[in-house]
Amino acid sequence: MKIPTFQDTFNRYVEWSIEHEEIHRELLAYCRKLGHDYDEVVEHISAEVEANRSAR
């Protein structure tokens, strides 16, 4: 098993950040299209994710 280097970890973080930013951009566009409040939607999703984690 290879132990990840700092560069490996950093590269994964950068990839995750880019994906995360794209997801939020798409979600914002979708919320605007449907007339929903972005912050409320993000809060709801976060609560659902936390509830699912707690249920495990």
PDB file of N, CA and C in Angstrom:
ATOM      1  N   MET A   1       0.843  -1.175   0.000  1.00  0.00           N
ATOM      2  CA  MET A   1       0.000   0.000   0.000  1.00  0.00           C
ATOM      3  C   MET A   1       0.893   1.244   0.000  1.00  0.00           C
ATOM      4  N   LYS A   2       0.633   2.114  -0.943  1.00  0.00           N
ATOM      5  CA  LYS A   2       1.427   3.335  -1.067  1.00  0.00           C
ATOM      6  C   LYS A   2       0.868   4.409  -0.138  1.00  0.00           C
ATOM      7  N   ILE A   3       1.746   5.011   0.622  1.00  0.00           N
ATOM      8  CA  ILE A   3       1.339   6.118   1.482  1.00  0.00           C
ATOM      9  C   ILE A   3       1.300   7.377   0.623  1.00  0.00           C
ATOM     10  N   PRO A   4       0.172   8.082   0.622  1.00  0.00           N
ATOM     11  CA  PRO A   4       0.074   9.272  -0.228  1.00  0.00           C
ATOM     12  C   PRO A   4       1.045  10.364   0.223  1.00  0.00           C
ATOM     13  N   THR A   5       1.639  10.996  -0.751  1.00  0.00           N
ATOM     14  CA  THR A   5       2.528  12.119  -0.467  1.00  0.00           C
ATOM     15  C   THR A   5       1.690  13.376  -0.278  1.00  0.00           C
ATOM     16  N   PHE A   6       2.331  14.419   0.170  1.00  0.00           N
ATOM     17  CA  PHE A   6       1.636  15.698   0.298  1.00  0.00           C
ATOM     18  C   PHE A   6       1.073  16.114  -1.057  1.00  0.00           C
ATOM     19  N   GLN A   7       1.870  15.926  -2.114  1.00  0.00           N
ATOM     20  CA  GLN A   7       1.426  16.334  -3.452  1.00  0.00           C
ATOM     21  C   GLN A   7       0.190  15.546  -3.882  1.00  0.00           C
ATOM     22  N   ASP A   8       0.168  14.236  -3.592  1.00  0.00           N
ATOM     23  CA  ASP A   8      -1.013  13.419  -3.911  1.00  0.00           C
ATOM     24  C   ASP A   8      -2.251  13.963  -3.195  1.00  0.00           C
ATOM     25  N   THR A   9      -2.087  14.239  -1.920  1.00  0.00           N
ATOM     26  CA  THR A   9      -3.199  14.748  -1.117  1.00  0.00           C
ATOM     27  C   THR A   9      -3.651  16.112  -1.619  1.00  0.00           C
ATOM     28  N   PHE A  10      -2.692  16.969  -1.912  1.00  0.00           N
ATOM     29  CA  PHE A  10      -3.007  18.302  -2.415  1.00  0.00           C
ATOM     30  C   PHE A  10      -3.745  18.214  -3.747  1.00  0.00           C
ATOM     31  N   ASN A  11      -3.276  17.348  -4.639  1.00  0.00           N
ATOM     32  CA  ASN A  11      -3.920  17.186  -5.946  1.00  0.00           C
ATOM     33  C   ASN A  11      -5.361  16.715  -5.791  1.00  0.00           C
ATOM     34  N   ARG A  12      -5.590  15.772  -4.881  1.00  0.00           N
ATOM     35  CA  ARG A  12      -6.960  15.302  -4.643  1.00  0.00           C
ATOM     36  C   ARG A  12      -7.825  16.426  -4.091  1.00  0.00           C
ATOM     37  N   TYR A  13      -7.251  17.242  -3.203  1.00  0.00           N
ATOM     38  CA  TYR A  13      -7.998  18.371  -2.643  1.00  0.00           C
ATOM     39  C   TYR A  13      -8.372  19.365  -3.736  1.00  0.00           C
ATOM     40  N   VAL A  14      -7.442  19.662  -4.624  1.00  0.00           N
ATOM     41  CA  VAL A  14      -7.717  20.603  -5.715  1.00  0.00           C
ATOM     42  C   VAL A  14      -8.819  20.045  -6.613  1.00  0.00           C
ATOM     43  N   GLU A  15      -8.742  18.758  -6.943  1.00  0.00           N
ATOM     44  CA  GLU A  15      -9.785  18.135  -7.767  1.00  0.00           C
ATOM     45  C   GLU A  15     -11.134  18.221  -7.058  1.00  0.00           C
ATOM     46  N   TRP A  16     -11.165  17.914  -5.768  1.00  0.00           N
ATOM     47  CA  TRP A  16     -12.410  17.976  -5.003  1.00  0.00           C
ATOM     48  C   TRP A  16     -12.954  19.399  -4.993  1.00  0.00           C
ATOM     49  N   SER A  17     -12.072  20.378  -4.791  1.00  0.00           N
ATOM     50  CA  SER A  17     -12.500  21.780  -4.740  1.00  0.00           C
ATOM     51  C   SER A  17     -13.134  22.217  -6.051  1.00  0.00           C
ATOM     52  N   ILE A  18     -12.522  21.819  -7.155  1.00  0.00           N
ATOM     53  CA  ILE A  18     -13.057  22.175  -8.476  1.00  0.00           C
ATOM     54  C   ILE A  18     -14.429  21.539  -8.664  1.00  0.00           C
ATOM     55  N   GLU A  19     -14.550  20.252  -8.330  1.00  0.00           N
ATOM     56  CA  GLU A  19     -15.840  19.570  -8.458  1.00  0.00           C
ATOM     57  C   GLU A  19     -16.879  20.222  -7.543  1.00  0.00           C
ATOM     58  N   HIS A  20     -16.479  20.530  -6.322  1.00  0.00           N
ATOM     59  CA  HIS A  20     -17.382  21.138  -5.339  1.00  0.00           C
ATOM     60  C   HIS A  20     -17.882  22.492  -5.842  1.00  0.00           C
ATOM     61  N   GLU A  21     -16.979  23.284  -6.389  1.00  0.00           N
ATOM     62  CA  GLU A  21     -17.356  24.605  -6.916  1.00  0.00           C
ATOM     63  C   GLU A  21     -18.320  24.460  -8.089  1.00  0.00           C
ATOM     64  N   GLU A  22     -18.057  23.486  -8.962  1.00  0.00           N
ATOM     65  CA  GLU A  22     -18.939  23.267 -10.112  1.00  0.00           C
ATOM     66  C   GLU A  22     -20.324  22.831  -9.653  1.00  0.00           C
ATOM     67  N   ILE A  23     -20.371  21.977  -8.639  1.00  0.00           N
ATOM     68  CA  ILE A  23     -21.658  21.519  -8.114  1.00  0.00           C
ATOM     69  C   ILE A  23     -22.455  22.702  -7.570  1.00  0.00           C
ATOM     70  N   HIS A  24     -21.791  23.574  -6.814  1.00  0.00           N
ATOM     71  CA  HIS A  24     -22.494  24.725  -6.252  1.00  0.00           C
ATOM     72  C   HIS A  24     -22.942  25.697  -7.336  1.00  0.00           C
ATOM     73  N   ARG A  25     -22.136  25.861  -8.366  1.00  0.00           N
ATOM     74  CA  ARG A  25     -22.516  26.744  -9.476  1.00  0.00           C
ATOM     75  C   ARG A  25     -23.753  26.191 -10.182  1.00  0.00           C
ATOM     76  N   GLU A  26     -23.756  24.870 -10.416  1.00  0.00           N
ATOM     77  CA  GLU A  26     -24.905  24.246 -11.073  1.00  0.00           C
ATOM     78  C   GLU A  26     -26.142  24.320 -10.181  1.00  0.00           C
ATOM     79  N   LEU A  27     -25.955  24.101  -8.880  1.00  0.00           N
ATOM     80  CA  LEU A  27     -27.081  24.173  -7.950  1.00  0.00           C
ATOM     81  C   LEU A  27     -27.656  25.583  -7.906  1.00  0.00           C
ATOM     82  N   LEU A  28     -26.793  26.581  -7.897  1.00  0.00           N
ATOM     83  CA  LEU A  28     -27.246  27.972  -7.896  1.00  0.00           C
ATOM     84  C   LEU A  28     -28.073  28.270  -9.149  1.00  0.00           C
ATOM     85  N   ALA A  29     -27.588  27.829 -10.304  1.00  0.00           N
ATOM     86  CA  ALA A  29     -28.322  28.050 -11.554  1.00  0.00           C
ATOM     87  C   ALA A  29     -29.678  27.340 -11.517  1.00  0.00           C
ATOM     88  N   TYR A  30     -29.699  26.119 -10.998  1.00  0.00           N
ATOM     89  CA  TYR A  30     -30.932  25.344 -10.907  1.00  0.00           C
ATOM     90  C   TYR A  30     -31.928  26.028  -9.970  1.00  0.00           C
ATOM     91  N   CYS A  31     -31.438  26.520  -8.820  1.00  0.00           N
ATOM     92  CA  CYS A  31     -32.310  27.216  -7.860  1.00  0.00           C
ATOM     93  C   CYS A  31     -32.907  28.469  -8.489  1.00  0.00           C
ATOM     94  N   ARG A  32     -32.080  29.222  -9.184  1.00  0.00           N
ATOM     95  CA  ARG A  32     -32.578  30.437  -9.847  1.00  0.00           C
ATOM     96  C   ARG A  32     -33.647  30.090 -10.869  1.00  0.00           C
ATOM     97  N   LYS A  33     -33.401  29.027 -11.624  1.00  0.00           N
ATOM     98  CA  LYS A  33     -34.345  28.619 -12.666  1.00  0.00           C
ATOM     99  C   LYS A  33     -35.698  28.255 -12.054  1.00  0.00           C
ATOM    100  N   LEU A  34     -35.675  27.587 -10.896  1.00  0.00           N
ATOM    101  CA  LEU A  34     -36.914  27.151 -10.256  1.00  0.00           C
ATOM    102  C   LEU A  34     -37.489  28.182  -9.285  1.00  0.00           C
ATOM    103  N   GLY A  35     -36.735  29.253  -9.040  1.00  0.00           N
ATOM    104  CA  GLY A  35     -37.212  30.286  -8.134  1.00  0.00           C
ATOM    105  C   GLY A  35     -37.045  29.952  -6.663  1.00  0.00           C
ATOM    106  N   HIS A  36     -36.130  29.027  -6.342  1.00  0.00           N
ATOM    107  CA  HIS A  36     -35.871  28.661  -4.946  1.00  0.00           C
ATOM    108  C   HIS A  36     -34.730  29.501  -4.382  1.00  0.00           C
ATOM    109  N   ASP A  37     -34.736  29.663  -3.062  1.00  0.00           N
ATOM    110  CA  ASP A  37     -33.654  30.372  -2.389  1.00  0.00           C
ATOM    111  C   ASP A  37     -32.468  29.415  -2.234  1.00  0.00           C
ATOM    112  N   TYR A  38     -31.342  29.787  -2.793  1.00  0.00           N
ATOM    113  CA  TYR A  38     -30.142  28.943  -2.792  1.00  0.00           C
ATOM    114  C   TYR A  38     -29.716  28.576  -1.371  1.00  0.00           C
ATOM    115  N   ASP A  39     -29.664  29.562  -0.478  1.00  0.00           N
ATOM    116  CA  ASP A  39     -29.211  29.306   0.891  1.00  0.00           C
ATOM    117  C   ASP A  39     -30.125  28.315   1.613  1.00  0.00           C
ATOM    118  N   GLU A  40     -31.424  28.432   1.394  1.00  0.00           N
ATOM    119  CA  GLU A  40     -32.366  27.497   2.012  1.00  0.00           C
ATOM    120  C   GLU A  40     -32.168  26.085   1.471  1.00  0.00           C
ATOM    121  N   VAL A  41     -31.927  25.977   0.183  1.00  0.00           N
ATOM    122  CA  VAL A  41     -31.712  24.662  -0.429  1.00  0.00           C
ATOM    123  C   VAL A  41     -30.437  24.030   0.122  1.00  0.00           C
ATOM    124  N   VAL A  42     -29.360  24.807   0.199  1.00  0.00           N
ATOM    125  CA  VAL A  42     -28.092  24.286   0.726  1.00  0.00           C
ATOM    126  C   VAL A  42     -28.259  23.870   2.189  1.00  0.00           C
ATOM    127  N   GLU A  43     -28.981  24.677   2.960  1.00  0.00           N
ATOM    128  CA  GLU A  43     -29.230  24.343   4.368  1.00  0.00           C
ATOM    129  C   GLU A  43     -30.015  23.036   4.479  1.00  0.00           C
ATOM    130  N   HIS A  44     -31.024  22.871   3.642  1.00  0.00           N
ATOM    131  CA  HIS A  44     -31.833  21.648   3.649  1.00  0.00           C
ATOM    132  C   HIS A  44     -30.978  20.436   3.281  1.00  0.00           C
ATOM    133  N   ILE A  45     -30.180  20.562   2.234  1.00  0.00           N
ATOM    134  CA  ILE A  45     -29.319  19.452   1.808  1.00  0.00           C
ATOM    135  C   ILE A  45     -28.334  19.097   2.920  1.00  0.00           C
ATOM    136  N   SER A  46     -27.741  20.104   3.542  1.00  0.00           N
ATOM    137  CA  SER A  46     -26.785  19.868   4.629  1.00  0.00           C
ATOM    138  C   SER A  46     -27.447  19.133   5.792  1.00  0.00           C
ATOM    139  N   ALA A  47     -28.672  19.524   6.121  1.00  0.00           N
ATOM    140  CA  ALA A  47     -29.405  18.863   7.201  1.00  0.00           C
ATOM    141  C   ALA A  47     -29.697  17.410   6.848  1.00  0.00           C
ATOM    142  N   GLU A  48     -30.065  17.154   5.602  1.00  0.00           N
ATOM    143  CA  GLU A  48     -30.330  15.780   5.159  1.00  0.00           C
ATOM    144  C   GLU A  48     -29.064  14.928   5.222  1.00  0.00           C
ATOM    145  N   VAL A  49     -27.949  15.492   4.779  1.00  0.00           N
ATOM    146  CA  VAL A  49     -26.674  14.762   4.814  1.00  0.00           C
ATOM    147  C   VAL A  49     -26.315  14.427   6.260  1.00  0.00           C
ATOM    148  N   GLU A  50     -26.452  15.396   7.155  1.00  0.00           N
ATOM    149  CA  GLU A  50     -26.134  15.174   8.566  1.00  0.00           C
ATOM    150  C   GLU A  50     -27.054  14.117   9.173  1.00  0.00           C
ATOM    151  N   ALA A  51     -28.338  14.155   8.830  1.00  0.00           N
ATOM    152  CA  ALA A  51     -29.283  13.156   9.336  1.00  0.00           C
ATOM    153  C   ALA A  51     -28.902  11.764   8.849  1.00  0.00           C
ATOM    154  N   ASN A  52     -28.491  11.663   7.597  1.00  0.00           N
ATOM    155  CA  ASN A  52     -28.073  10.369   7.060  1.00  0.00           C
ATOM    156  C   ASN A  52     -26.814   9.863   7.752  1.00  0.00           C
ATOM    157  N   ARG A  53     -25.886  10.763   8.057  1.00  0.00           N
ATOM    158  CA  ARG A  53     -24.661  10.359   8.766  1.00  0.00           C
ATOM    159  C   ARG A  53     -24.996   9.884  10.175  1.00  0.00           C
ATOM    160  N   SER A  54     -25.927  10.574  10.826  1.00  0.00           N
ATOM    161  CA  SER A  54     -26.304  10.220  12.195  1.00  0.00           C
ATOM    162  C   SER A  54     -27.027   8.881  12.242  1.00  0.00           C
ATOM    163  N   ALA A  55     -27.732   8.544  11.182  1.00  0.00           N
ATOM    164  CA  ALA A  55     -28.505   7.303  11.135  1.00  0.00           C
ATOM    165  C   ALA A  55     -27.618   6.070  10.981  1.00  0.00           C
ATOM    166  N   ARG A  56     -26.396   6.273  10.597  1.00  0.00           N
ATOM    167  CA  ARG A  56     -25.498   5.117  10.388  1.00  0.00           C
ATOM    168  C   ARG A  56     -25.012   4.539  11.673  1.00  0.00           C
TER     169      ARG A  56
END
